[in-house]
C-alpha atoms as a PDB file:
ATOM      1  CA  MET A   1      78.032  99.419  89.125  1.00  0.00           C
ATOM      2  CA  ALA A   2      79.848 100.813  92.147  1.00  0.00           C
ATOM      3  CA  ASN A   3      82.228  98.608  94.076  1.00  0.00           C
ATOM      4  CA  PRO A   4      80.848  97.351  97.413  1.00  0.00           C
ATOM      5  CA  ILE A   5      81.635  98.886 100.784  1.00  0.00           C
ATOM      6  CA  ILE A   6      84.474  96.829 102.260  1.00  0.00           C
ATOM      7  CA  ALA A   7      85.506  99.085 105.164  1.00  0.00           C
ATOM      8  CA  GLU A   8      83.793 101.622 107.378  1.00  0.00           C
ATOM      9  CA  VAL A   9      84.451 104.033 110.218  1.00  0.00           C
ATOM     10  CA  THR A  10      82.133 104.340 113.191  1.00  0.00           C
ATOM     11  CA  ARG A  11      81.484 107.119 115.666  1.00  0.00           C
ATOM     12  CA  GLY A  12      80.214 105.253 118.708  1.00  0.00           C
ATOM     13  CA  PRO A  13      77.803 102.624 117.356  1.00  0.00           C
ATOM     14  CA  ASN A  14      76.971 104.612 114.222  1.00  0.00           C
ATOM     15  CA  VAL A  15      78.668 104.436 110.821  1.00  0.00           C
ATOM     16  CA  GLU A  16      80.254 107.790 109.957  1.00  0.00           C
ATOM     17  CA  SER A  17      82.287 107.013 106.813  1.00  0.00           C
ATOM     18  CA  ARG A  18      82.439 104.223 104.262  1.00  0.00           C
ATOM     19  CA  HIS A  19      85.122 102.975 101.882  1.00  0.00           C
ATOM     20  CA  ARG A  20      84.304 101.100  98.688  1.00  0.00           C
ATOM     21  CA  GLY A  21      86.778  98.866  96.949  1.00  0.00           C
ATOM     22  CA  ALA A  22      87.599  95.650  95.145  1.00  0.00           C
ATOM     23  CA  PHE A  23      89.874  92.697  95.767  1.00  0.00           C
ATOM     24  CA  VAL A  24      90.742  89.315  94.346  1.00  0.00           C
ATOM     25  CA  VAL A  25      92.630  86.268  95.598  1.00  0.00           C
ATOM     26  CA  THR A  26      93.842  83.840  92.933  1.00  0.00           C
ATOM     27  CA  ASP A  27      96.025  80.815  92.366  1.00  0.00           C
ATOM     28  CA  ASP A  28      98.932  80.907  89.941  1.00  0.00           C
ATOM     29  CA  LYS A  29      96.754  79.614  87.086  1.00  0.00           C
ATOM     30  CA  GLY A  30      94.300  82.503  87.444  1.00  0.00           C
ATOM     31  CA  GLY A  31      91.607  80.633  89.346  1.00  0.00           C
ATOM     32  CA  VAL A  32      89.657  82.978  91.631  1.00  0.00           C
ATOM     33  CA  VAL A  33      89.525  81.849  95.252  1.00  0.00           C
ATOM     34  CA  SER A  34      87.878  84.944  96.715  1.00  0.00           C
ATOM     35  CA  SER A  35      86.787  88.285  95.294  1.00  0.00           C
ATOM     36  CA  SER A  36      84.532  91.301  95.632  1.00  0.00           C
ATOM     37  CA  GLY A  37      83.851  94.223  93.340  1.00  0.00           C
ATOM     38  CA  ASP A  38      85.233  94.777  89.866  1.00  0.00           C
ATOM     39  CA  PHE A  39      88.556  92.961  89.979  1.00  0.00           C
ATOM     40  CA  THR A  40      88.879  92.788  86.182  1.00  0.00           C
ATOM     41  CA  SER A  41      89.441  96.528  85.744  1.00  0.00           C
ATOM     42  CA  ALA A  42      92.891  98.087  85.660  1.00  0.00           C
ATOM     43  CA  PHE A  43      94.389 100.000  88.576  1.00  0.00           C
ATOM     44  CA  PHE A  44      97.753 101.449  89.551  1.00  0.00           C
ATOM     45  CA  PRO A  45      99.396  99.006  91.987  1.00  0.00           C
ATOM     46  CA  ARG A  46     102.052 101.654  92.690  1.00  0.00           C
ATOM     47  CA  SER A  47     104.668 100.606  95.266  1.00  0.00           C
ATOM     48  CA  ALA A  48     102.993  97.248  95.881  1.00  0.00           C
ATOM     49  CA  ILE A  49     104.932  95.831  92.897  1.00  0.00           C
ATOM     50  CA  LYS A  50     108.433  96.651  94.176  1.00  0.00           C
ATOM     51  CA  ALA A  51     109.260  92.938  94.309  1.00  0.00           C
ATOM     52  CA  PHE A  52     109.007  92.830  90.513  1.00  0.00           C
ATOM     53  CA  GLN A  53     111.043  96.029  90.231  1.00  0.00           C
ATOM     54  CA  CYS A  54     113.734  94.338  92.322  1.00  0.00           C
ATOM     55  CA  LEU A  55     113.811  91.038  90.400  1.00  0.00           C
ATOM     56  CA  PRO A  56     116.086  92.256  87.565  1.00  0.00           C
ATOM     57  CA  LEU A  57     118.653  93.278  90.184  1.00  0.00           C
ATOM     58  CA  ILE A  58     118.912  89.634  91.242  1.00  0.00           C
ATOM     59  CA  GLU A  59     118.376  87.878  87.917  1.00  0.00           C
ATOM     60  CA  SER A  60     120.968  90.046  86.141  1.00  0.00           C
ATOM     61  CA  GLY A  61     123.618  88.944  88.631  1.00  0.00           C
ATOM     62  CA  ALA A  62     124.016  92.490  89.991  1.00  0.00           C
ATOM     63  CA  ALA A  63     122.965  91.586  93.536  1.00  0.00           C
ATOM     64  CA  SER A  64     125.565  88.813  93.721  1.00  0.00           C
ATOM     65  CA  HIS A  65     128.217  90.899  91.987  1.00  0.00           C
ATOM     66  CA  PHE A  66     127.912  93.694  94.556  1.00  0.00           C
ATOM     67  CA  GLY A  67     127.481  91.334  97.516  1.00  0.00           C
ATOM     68  CA  LEU A  68     123.977  92.460  98.467  1.00  0.00           C
ATOM     69  CA  ASN A  69     122.570  90.581 101.455  1.00  0.00           C
ATOM     70  CA  GLU A  70     119.026  89.875 102.671  1.00  0.00           C
ATOM     71  CA  GLU A  71     118.750  93.277 104.362  1.00  0.00           C
ATOM     72  CA  ASP A  72     119.700  94.984 101.112  1.00  0.00           C
ATOM     73  CA  ILE A  73     117.180  92.999  99.059  1.00  0.00           C
ATOM     74  CA  ALA A  74     114.386  93.713 101.553  1.00  0.00           C
ATOM     75  CA  MET A  75     115.282  97.387 101.402  1.00  0.00           C
ATOM     76  CA  CYS A  76     115.049  97.380  97.602  1.00  0.00           C
ATOM     77  CA  CYS A  77     111.427  96.209  97.988  1.00  0.00           C
ATOM     78  CA  SER A  78     110.481  98.672 100.705  1.00  0.00           C
ATOM     79  CA  SER A  79     108.346 101.766 101.137  1.00  0.00           C
ATOM     80  CA  HIS A  80     110.075 102.708 104.343  1.00  0.00           C
ATOM     81  CA  SER A  81     109.484 105.368 106.982  1.00  0.00           C
ATOM     82  CA  GLY A  82     112.910 106.967 106.774  1.00  0.00           C
ATOM     83  CA  GLU A  83     114.054 105.740 110.168  1.00  0.00           C
ATOM     84  CA  PRO A  84     117.805 105.519 110.906  1.00  0.00           C
ATOM     85  CA  GLU A  85     117.954 101.789 110.113  1.00  0.00           C
ATOM     86  CA  HIS A  86     116.332 102.391 106.728  1.00  0.00           C
ATOM     87  CA  VAL A  87     118.807 105.138 105.887  1.00  0.00           C
ATOM     88  CA  ARG A  88     121.706 102.921 106.953  1.00  0.00           C
ATOM     89  CA  VAL A  89     120.724 100.045 104.678  1.00  0.00           C
ATOM     90  CA  ALA A  90     119.967 102.288 101.684  1.00  0.00           C
ATOM     91  CA  ARG A  91     123.431 103.817 102.020  1.00  0.00           C
ATOM     92  CA  SER A  92     124.902 100.341 102.360  1.00  0.00           C
ATOM     93  CA  ILE A  93     123.492  99.349  98.958  1.00  0.00           C
ATOM     94  CA  LEU A  94     124.912 102.445  97.314  1.00  0.00           C
ATOM     95  CA  ALA A  95     128.306 101.921  98.947  1.00  0.00           C
ATOM     96  CA  LYS A  96     128.509  98.288  97.815  1.00  0.00           C
ATOM     97  CA  ALA A  97     127.651  99.342  94.261  1.00  0.00           C
ATOM     98  CA  GLY A  98     130.093 102.261  94.319  1.00  0.00           C
ATOM     99  CA  VAL A  99     127.361 104.802  93.567  1.00  0.00           C
ATOM    100  CA  ASP A 100     127.129 108.262  95.122  1.00  0.00           C
ATOM    101  CA  GLU A 101     123.943 109.592  96.769  1.00  0.00           C
ATOM    102  CA  THR A 102     123.937 112.492  94.331  1.00  0.00           C
ATOM    103  CA  CYS A 103     122.852 110.017  91.640  1.00  0.00           C
ATOM    104  CA  TYR A 104     119.428 109.570  93.277  1.00  0.00           C
ATOM    105  CA  GLU A 105     116.520 110.740  91.106  1.00  0.00           C
ATOM    106  CA  CYS A 106     113.717 109.980  93.565  1.00  0.00           C
ATOM    107  CA  GLY A 107     113.576 113.437  95.187  1.00  0.00           C
ATOM    108  CA  ALA A 108     113.799 114.285  98.867  1.00  0.00           C
ATOM    109  CA  HIS A 109     111.150 114.421 101.569  1.00  0.00           C
ATOM    110  CA  LEU A 110     111.122 114.281 105.354  1.00  0.00           C
ATOM    111  CA  PRO A 111     110.901 110.806 106.879  1.00  0.00           C
ATOM    112  CA  THR A 112     107.297 109.672 107.151  1.00  0.00           C
ATOM    113  CA  SER A 113     108.185 108.486 110.666  1.00  0.00           C
ATOM    114  CA  THR A 114     107.199 111.451 112.833  1.00  0.00           C
ATOM    115  CA  ASP A 115     109.916 110.720 115.394  1.00  0.00           C
ATOM    116  CA  SER A 116     112.590 110.493 112.709  1.00  0.00           C
ATOM    117  CA  ALA A 117     111.372 113.674 111.009  1.00  0.00           C
ATOM    118  CA  TYR A 118     111.418 115.601 114.291  1.00  0.00           C
ATOM    119  CA  GLU A 119     114.911 114.320 115.085  1.00  0.00           C
ATOM    120  CA  LEU A 120     116.163 115.389 111.656  1.00  0.00           C
ATOM    121  CA  VAL A 121     114.797 118.903 112.167  1.00  0.00           C
ATOM    122  CA  ARG A 122     116.097 119.131 115.738  1.00  0.00           C
ATOM    123  CA  SER A 123     119.574 118.170 114.563  1.00  0.00           C
ATOM    124  CA  GLY A 124     119.550 121.016 112.048  1.00  0.00           C
ATOM    125  CA  ASN A 125     119.727 118.697 109.055  1.00  0.00           C
ATOM    126  CA  THR A 126     117.567 118.744 105.955  1.00  0.00           C
ATOM    127  CA  ALA A 127     115.759 115.915 104.211  1.00  0.00           C
ATOM    128  CA  LEU A 128     117.810 114.093 101.589  1.00  0.00           C
ATOM    129  CA  PRO A 129     116.800 111.687  98.814  1.00  0.00           C
ATOM    130  CA  VAL A 130     118.004 108.823 101.034  1.00  0.00           C
ATOM    131  CA  HIS A 131     115.101 109.680 103.388  1.00  0.00           C
ATOM    132  CA  ASN A 132     112.631 109.188 100.532  1.00  0.00           C
ATOM    133  CA  ASN A 133     110.425 106.178 101.199  1.00  0.00           C
ATOM    134  CA  CYS A 134     111.584 104.710  97.858  1.00  0.00           C
ATOM    135  CA  SER A 135     115.316 105.239  98.395  1.00  0.00           C
ATOM    136  CA  GLY A 136     115.934 101.497  98.774  1.00  0.00           C
ATOM    137  CA  LYS A 137     114.299 100.720  95.439  1.00  0.00           C
ATOM    138  CA  HIS A 138     116.253 103.505  93.771  1.00  0.00           C
ATOM    139  CA  ALA A 139     119.515 102.290  95.297  1.00  0.00           C
ATOM    140  CA  GLY A 140     118.807  98.892  93.742  1.00  0.00           C
ATOM    141  CA  MET A 141     117.993 100.463  90.387  1.00  0.00           C
ATOM    142  CA  LEU A 142     121.235 102.437  90.451  1.00  0.00           C
ATOM    143  CA  ALA A 143     123.148  99.256  91.273  1.00  0.00           C
ATOM    144  CA  LEU A 144     121.456  97.513  88.339  1.00  0.00           C
ATOM    145  CA  ALA A 145     122.319 100.392  85.987  1.00  0.00           C
ATOM    146  CA  LYS A 146     125.943 100.251  87.127  1.00  0.00           C
ATOM    147  CA  HIS A 147     126.091  96.472  86.579  1.00  0.00           C
ATOM    148  CA  LEU A 148     124.536  96.762  83.108  1.00  0.00           C
ATOM    149  CA  GLY A 149     126.989  99.482  82.109  1.00  0.00           C
ATOM    150  CA  ALA A 150     123.996 101.764  81.481  1.00  0.00           C
ATOM    151  CA  PRO A 151     123.963 105.500  82.260  1.00  0.00           C
ATOM    152  CA  LEU A 152     123.286 106.289  85.896  1.00  0.00           C
ATOM    153  CA  HIS A 153     121.612 109.516  84.842  1.00  0.00           C
ATOM    154  CA  GLY A 154     118.045 109.014  83.665  1.00  0.00           C
ATOM    155  CA  TYR A 155     117.608 105.539  85.143  1.00  0.00           C
ATOM    156  CA  VAL A 156     113.987 106.484  85.979  1.00  0.00           C
ATOM    157  CA  GLU A 157     113.047 107.060  82.325  1.00  0.00           C
ATOM    158  CA  ILE A 158     110.759 104.497  80.723  1.00  0.00           C
ATOM    159  CA  ASP A 159     113.173 103.745  77.866  1.00  0.00           C
ATOM    160  CA  HIS A 160     116.217 103.288  80.143  1.00  0.00           C
ATOM    161  CA  PRO A 161     117.565  99.705  80.316  1.00  0.00           C
ATOM    162  CA  VAL A 162     116.632  99.525  84.018  1.00  0.00           C
ATOM    163  CA  GLN A 163     112.965 100.330  83.381  1.00  0.00           C
ATOM    164  CA  ARG A 164     112.880  98.081  80.325  1.00  0.00           C
ATOM    165  CA  ALA A 165     114.094  95.243  82.565  1.00  0.00           C
ATOM    166  CA  VAL A 166     111.377  96.044  85.099  1.00  0.00           C
ATOM    167  CA  ALA A 167     108.710  96.046  82.373  1.00  0.00           C
ATOM    168  CA  ALA A 168     109.954  92.656  81.156  1.00  0.00           C
ATOM    169  CA  SER A 169     109.782  91.247  84.682  1.00  0.00           C
ATOM    170  CA  LEU A 170     106.223  92.483  85.177  1.00  0.00           C
ATOM    171  CA  SER A 171     105.180  91.244  81.727  1.00  0.00           C
ATOM    172  CA  HIS A 172     106.473  87.742  82.453  1.00  0.00           C
ATOM    173  CA  PHE A 173     104.568  87.390  85.720  1.00  0.00           C
ATOM    174  CA  CYS A 174     101.402  89.316  84.761  1.00  0.00           C
ATOM    175  CA  GLY A 175     100.976  87.440  81.500  1.00  0.00           C
ATOM    176  CA  LEU A 176     100.602  90.571  79.377  1.00  0.00           C
ATOM    177  CA  ASP A 177     102.781  93.106  77.589  1.00  0.00           C
ATOM    178  CA  VAL A 178     103.243  95.781  80.227  1.00  0.00           C
ATOM    179  CA  ARG A 179     104.919  98.047  77.671  1.00  0.00           C
ATOM    180  CA  ALA A 180     101.566  98.379  75.909  1.00  0.00           C
ATOM    181  CA  ALA A 181      99.709  99.287  79.127  1.00  0.00           C
ATOM    182  CA  PRO A 182      98.841 102.878  80.065  1.00  0.00           C
ATOM    183  CA  TYR A 183     101.306 104.387  82.511  1.00  0.00           C
ATOM    184  CA  GLY A 184     101.967 107.458  84.596  1.00  0.00           C
ATOM    185  CA  ILE A 185     104.848 108.681  86.724  1.00  0.00           C
ATOM    186  CA  ASP A 186     105.026 107.590  90.360  1.00  0.00           C
ATOM    187  CA  GLY A 187     105.808 109.891  93.270  1.00  0.00           C
ATOM    188  CA  CYS A 188     109.457 108.811  93.107  1.00  0.00           C
ATOM    189  CA  SER A 189     109.620 109.495  89.339  1.00  0.00           C
ATOM    190  CA  VAL A 190     109.702 105.923  87.968  1.00  0.00           C
ATOM    191  CA  PRO A 191     107.025 104.625  85.552  1.00  0.00           C
ATOM    192  CA  SER A 192     103.831 103.351  87.163  1.00  0.00           C
ATOM    193  CA  TRP A 193     101.757 101.071  84.951  1.00  0.00           C
ATOM    194  CA  GLU A 194      97.975 100.639  85.053  1.00  0.00           C
ATOM    195  CA  LEU A 195      97.333  96.890  85.143  1.00  0.00           C
ATOM    196  CA  PRO A 196      94.286  94.612  85.518  1.00  0.00           C
ATOM    197  CA  MET A 197      93.851  93.675  89.167  1.00  0.00           C
ATOM    198  CA  HIS A 198      93.322  89.999  88.364  1.00  0.00           C
ATOM    199  CA  ASN A 199      96.618  89.848  86.454  1.00  0.00           C
ATOM    200  CA  VAL A 200      98.472  91.475  89.338  1.00  0.00           C
ATOM    201  CA  ALA A 201      97.082  88.947  91.826  1.00  0.00           C
ATOM    202  CA  VAL A 202      98.114  86.096  89.510  1.00  0.00           C
ATOM    203  CA  ALA A 203     101.583  87.646  89.190  1.00  0.00           C
ATOM    204  CA  PHE A 204     101.994  87.525  92.956  1.00  0.00           C
ATOM    205  CA  ALA A 205     100.720  83.935  93.095  1.00  0.00           C
ATOM    206  CA  LYS A 206     103.354  83.019  90.498  1.00  0.00           C
ATOM    207  CA  LEU A 207     106.000  84.918  92.451  1.00  0.00           C
ATOM    208  CA  GLY A 208     105.227  82.956  95.612  1.00  0.00           C
ATOM    209  CA  SER A 209     105.066  79.629  93.776  1.00  0.00           C
ATOM    210  CA  SER A 210     108.165  80.098  91.643  1.00  0.00           C
ATOM    211  CA  PRO A 211     111.044  77.681  92.283  1.00  0.00           C
ATOM    212  CA  GLU A 212     113.484  80.189  90.775  1.00  0.00           C
ATOM    213  CA  PRO A 213     116.073  81.700  93.143  1.00  0.00           C
ATOM    214  CA  GLY A 214     115.140  85.326  92.390  1.00  0.00           C
ATOM    215  CA  PRO A 215     111.539  85.232  93.638  1.00  0.00           C
ATOM    216  CA  GLN A 216     112.478  82.964  96.537  1.00  0.00           C
ATOM    217  CA  ARG A 217     115.232  85.327  97.635  1.00  0.00           C
ATOM    218  CA  ILE A 218     112.930  88.363  97.530  1.00  0.00           C
ATOM    219  CA  ILE A 219     110.229  86.706  99.610  1.00  0.00           C
ATOM    220  CA  GLN A 220     112.738  85.265 102.056  1.00  0.00           C
ATOM    221  CA  SER A 221     114.443  88.648 102.488  1.00  0.00           C
ATOM    222  CA  ALA A 222     111.213  90.586 102.980  1.00  0.00           C
ATOM    223  CA  ARG A 223     109.755  88.123 105.462  1.00  0.00           C
ATOM    224  CA  GLY A 224     113.093  87.887 107.258  1.00  0.00           C
ATOM    225  CA  HIS A 225     113.357  91.683 107.625  1.00  0.00           C
ATOM    226  CA  PRO A 226     109.784  93.026 107.830  1.00  0.00           C
ATOM    227  CA  PHE A 227     110.883  96.202 109.615  1.00  0.00           C
ATOM    228  CA  LEU A 228     112.832  97.266 106.541  1.00  0.00           C
ATOM    229  CA  ILE A 229     109.787  96.784 104.302  1.00  0.00           C
ATOM    230  CA  ALA A 230     107.866  99.540 106.082  1.00  0.00           C
ATOM    231  CA  GLY A 231     108.772 100.533 109.659  1.00  0.00           C
ATOM    232  CA  THR A 232     107.576 101.215 113.191  1.00  0.00           C
ATOM    233  CA  LYS A 233     103.803 100.705 113.610  1.00  0.00           C
ATOM    234  CA  ARG A 234     103.357 100.192 109.852  1.00  0.00           C
ATOM    235  CA  PHE A 235     100.809  97.613 108.701  1.00  0.00           C
ATOM    236  CA  ASP A 236     103.089  95.654 106.338  1.00  0.00           C
ATOM    237  CA  THR A 237     105.691  95.239 109.057  1.00  0.00           C
ATOM    238  CA  LYS A 238     103.182  94.272 111.763  1.00  0.00           C
ATOM    239  CA  ALA A 239     101.386  91.810 109.483  1.00  0.00           C
ATOM    240  CA  MET A 240     104.544  89.924 108.508  1.00  0.00           C
ATOM    241  CA  GLN A 241     105.827  89.941 112.074  1.00  0.00           C
ATOM    242  CA  ALA A 242     102.534  88.476 113.300  1.00  0.00           C
ATOM    243  CA  VAL A 243     102.116  86.056 110.367  1.00  0.00           C
ATOM    244  CA  PRO A 244     105.611  85.212 109.029  1.00  0.00           C
ATOM    245  CA  ARG A 245     104.223  82.978 106.259  1.00  0.00           C
ATOM    246  CA  LEU A 246     102.659  86.049 104.627  1.00  0.00           C
ATOM    247  CA  PHE A 247     104.301  88.360 102.078  1.00  0.00           C
ATOM    248  CA  ILE A 248     102.439  91.670 101.808  1.00  0.00           C
ATOM    249  CA  LYS A 249     103.258  95.069 100.390  1.00  0.00           C
ATOM    250  CA  TRP A 250     101.439  98.391 100.562  1.00  0.00           C
ATOM    251  CA  GLY A 251     100.980 100.683  97.576  1.00  0.00           C
ATOM    252  CA  ALA A 252      99.881 104.317  97.563  1.00  0.00           C
ATOM    253  CA  GLU A 253      96.216 105.239  97.177  1.00  0.00           C
ATOM    254  CA  GLY A 254      94.764 102.355  99.175  1.00  0.00           C
ATOM    255  CA  VAL A 255      96.512  99.344  97.622  1.00  0.00           C
ATOM    256  CA  PHE A 256      97.757  96.092  99.123  1.00  0.00           C
ATOM    257  CA  CYS A 257      99.200  93.173  97.170  1.00  0.00           C
ATOM    258  CA  GLY A 258     101.140  90.070  98.095  1.00  0.00           C
ATOM    259  CA  CYS A 259     101.282  86.319  98.167  1.00  0.00           C
ATOM    260  CA  ILE A 260     100.875  83.339 100.457  1.00  0.00           C
ATOM    261  CA  PRO A 261     103.554  80.925  99.210  1.00  0.00           C
ATOM    262  CA  HIS A 262     102.538  77.899 101.283  1.00  0.00           C
ATOM    263  CA  ALA A 263      99.045  78.051  99.741  1.00  0.00           C
ATOM    264  CA  GLY A 264     100.098  79.107  96.231  1.00  0.00           C
ATOM    265  CA  LEU A 265      97.905  82.210  96.340  1.00  0.00           C
ATOM    266  CA  GLY A 266      98.299  85.850  95.348  1.00  0.00           C
ATOM    267  CA  PHE A 267      96.078  88.811  96.135  1.00  0.00           C
ATOM    268  CA  ALA A 268      95.411  92.422  95.212  1.00  0.00           C
ATOM    269  CA  LEU A 269      93.146  95.027  96.808  1.00  0.00           C
ATOM    270  CA  LYS A 270      92.318  98.649  96.023  1.00  0.00           C
ATOM    271  CA  ILE A 271      90.188 101.109  97.992  1.00  0.00           C
ATOM    272  CA  ASP A 272      88.373 103.415  95.578  1.00  0.00           C
ATOM    273  CA  ASP A 273      88.996 106.634  97.503  1.00  0.00           C
ATOM    274  CA  GLY A 274      92.653 105.793  98.190  1.00  0.00           C
ATOM    275  CA  ALA A 275      92.316 105.623 101.986  1.00  0.00           C
ATOM    276  CA  ARG A 276      95.037 103.557 103.620  1.00  0.00           C
ATOM    277  CA  ARG A 277      92.926 103.095 106.760  1.00  0.00           C
ATOM    278  CA  GLY A 278      90.258 101.307 104.750  1.00  0.00           C
ATOM    279  CA  ALA A 279      92.770  99.199 102.853  1.00  0.00           C
ATOM    280  CA  GLU A 280      94.469  97.954 106.027  1.00  0.00           C
ATOM    281  CA  VAL A 281      91.380  96.590 107.763  1.00  0.00           C
ATOM    282  CA  ALA A 282      89.908  95.280 104.516  1.00  0.00           C
ATOM    283  CA  ILE A 283      92.978  93.271 103.502  1.00  0.00           C
ATOM    284  CA  ALA A 284      93.228  91.860 107.028  1.00  0.00           C
ATOM    285  CA  GLN A 285      89.634  90.635 106.704  1.00  0.00           C
ATOM    286  CA  VAL A 286      90.243  89.207 103.218  1.00  0.00           C
ATOM    287  CA  LEU A 287      93.276  87.267 104.409  1.00  0.00           C
ATOM    288  CA  SER A 288      91.737  86.068 107.666  1.00  0.00           C
ATOM    289  CA  SER A 289      88.736  84.649 105.789  1.00  0.00           C
ATOM    290  CA  LEU A 290      90.960  82.197 103.891  1.00  0.00           C
ATOM    291  CA  SER A 291      91.035  78.684 105.359  1.00  0.00           C
ATOM    292  CA  ILE A 292      94.790  78.283 104.931  1.00  0.00           C
ATOM    293  CA  TRP A 293      96.079  79.522 108.278  1.00  0.00           C
ATOM    294  CA  THR A 294      96.716  78.080 111.693  1.00  0.00           C
ATOM    295  CA  ASP A 295      94.296  79.200 114.397  1.00  0.00           C
ATOM    296  CA  GLN A 296      96.927  81.607 115.728  1.00  0.00           C
ATOM    297  CA  GLU A 297      97.619  83.133 112.312  1.00  0.00           C
ATOM    298  CA  GLN A 298      93.921  83.577 111.672  1.00  0.00           C
ATOM    299  CA  HIS A 299      93.499  85.225 115.084  1.00  0.00           C
ATOM    300  CA  GLU A 300      96.336  87.674 114.381  1.00  0.00           C
ATOM    301  CA  LEU A 301      94.805  88.698 111.057  1.00  0.00           C
ATOM    302  CA  ARG A 302      91.318  89.100 112.517  1.00  0.00           C
ATOM    303  CA  GLU A 303      92.754  91.343 115.218  1.00  0.00           C
ATOM    304  CA  MET A 304      94.055  93.635 112.472  1.00  0.00           C
ATOM    305  CA  SER A 305      90.680  93.865 110.704  1.00  0.00           C
ATOM    306  CA  GLN A 306      89.338  96.283 113.319  1.00  0.00           C
ATOM    307  CA  ILE A 307      91.116  99.256 114.908  1.00  0.00           C
ATOM    308  CA  SER A 308      89.901 101.331 117.834  1.00  0.00           C
ATOM    309  CA  LEU A 309      89.761 105.083 117.309  1.00  0.00           C
ATOM    310  CA  LEU A 310      91.045 107.050 120.295  1.00  0.00           C
ATOM    311  CA  ASN A 311      90.549 110.782 120.730  1.00  0.00           C
ATOM    312  CA  TRP A 312      93.144 113.161 122.210  1.00  0.00           C
ATOM    313  CA  ARG A 313      92.182 112.017 125.744  1.00  0.00           C
ATOM    314  CA  LYS A 314      92.668 108.374 124.692  1.00  0.00           C
ATOM    315  CA  ILE A 315      88.937 107.681 124.904  1.00  0.00           C
ATOM    316  CA  ASP A 316      87.641 104.974 122.556  1.00  0.00           C
ATOM    317  CA  VAL A 317      85.246 106.888 120.275  1.00  0.00           C
ATOM    318  CA  GLY A 318      84.759 104.457 117.391  1.00  0.00           C
ATOM    319  CA  LYS A 319      86.252 101.843 115.095  1.00  0.00           C
ATOM    320  CA  ILE A 320      87.858 101.455 111.703  1.00  0.00           C
ATOM    321  CA  ARG A 321      86.567  98.053 110.674  1.00  0.00           C
ATOM    322  CA  SER A 322      86.239  95.771 107.693  1.00  0.00           C
ATOM    323  CA  VAL A 323      82.908  94.907 106.167  1.00  0.00           C
ATOM    324  CA  PRO A 324      82.924  91.205 105.197  1.00  0.00           C
ATOM    325  CA  SER A 325      81.700  90.654 101.663  1.00  0.00           C
END
């Protein structure tokens, strides 16, 4: 059966487009608190799992060895917009680890921030790997490779010690052998595993509930520096600025995952057609429906579950809105 419609776009009062999807909210034992659609099937969480890709950097002792601070850790978990502050922190990680930018294997693209991309072009410069939205994660992976004494070249390969450490981290929190799961290659060239949505939500619930210093440091760093996690006008950043007790991370193709540490909950959501616009309003609705927030927090999340569509003359012509299920 098809997943239900959980977001829609209107033109005036009429529905013009619809987005189907699935989500699940769980506790750290796997108990389902809220769900819709087929949340038992596997999906690619993509960049939403960067916290687990960052954990080996901390647990190996590499982060302490190289003196990485909260900004650096947040950056390692980010899918940033390539704004100057993002570039600065990514370069800071590399400098502390003594690794050159030429070691990056994530590829180069223009900043996804329009203003930053225009400024780069106006200045006569070209896009570099450090502008890649995953450059923070890759800087952390290079630092981990350096600390482990592993080759810097090929750190993105699935059998490299860095990626084996990531797979072990995911396996521990997801409660399954990630190495046996189907995988593809992400946009930044690292392995991307296909995992059951329920297991991913439980992994995030465990992350938020863990008393271990690694998970606590990641969540503290991300929530303390939400701008570094995404950027100007980005949903992840706005959500954590408005609701600081939330940890949330976007993933490509309409994914959001995260945890709510004070409530011991984790969540995962995927829009079938991969539309970010549908994922943003839908996850805001999912979160706002949970009875774990203050009135102000709930208000902030509800405000994000509906967005006005403005045309080129700034006339309100419709809405992107969640469909409660």
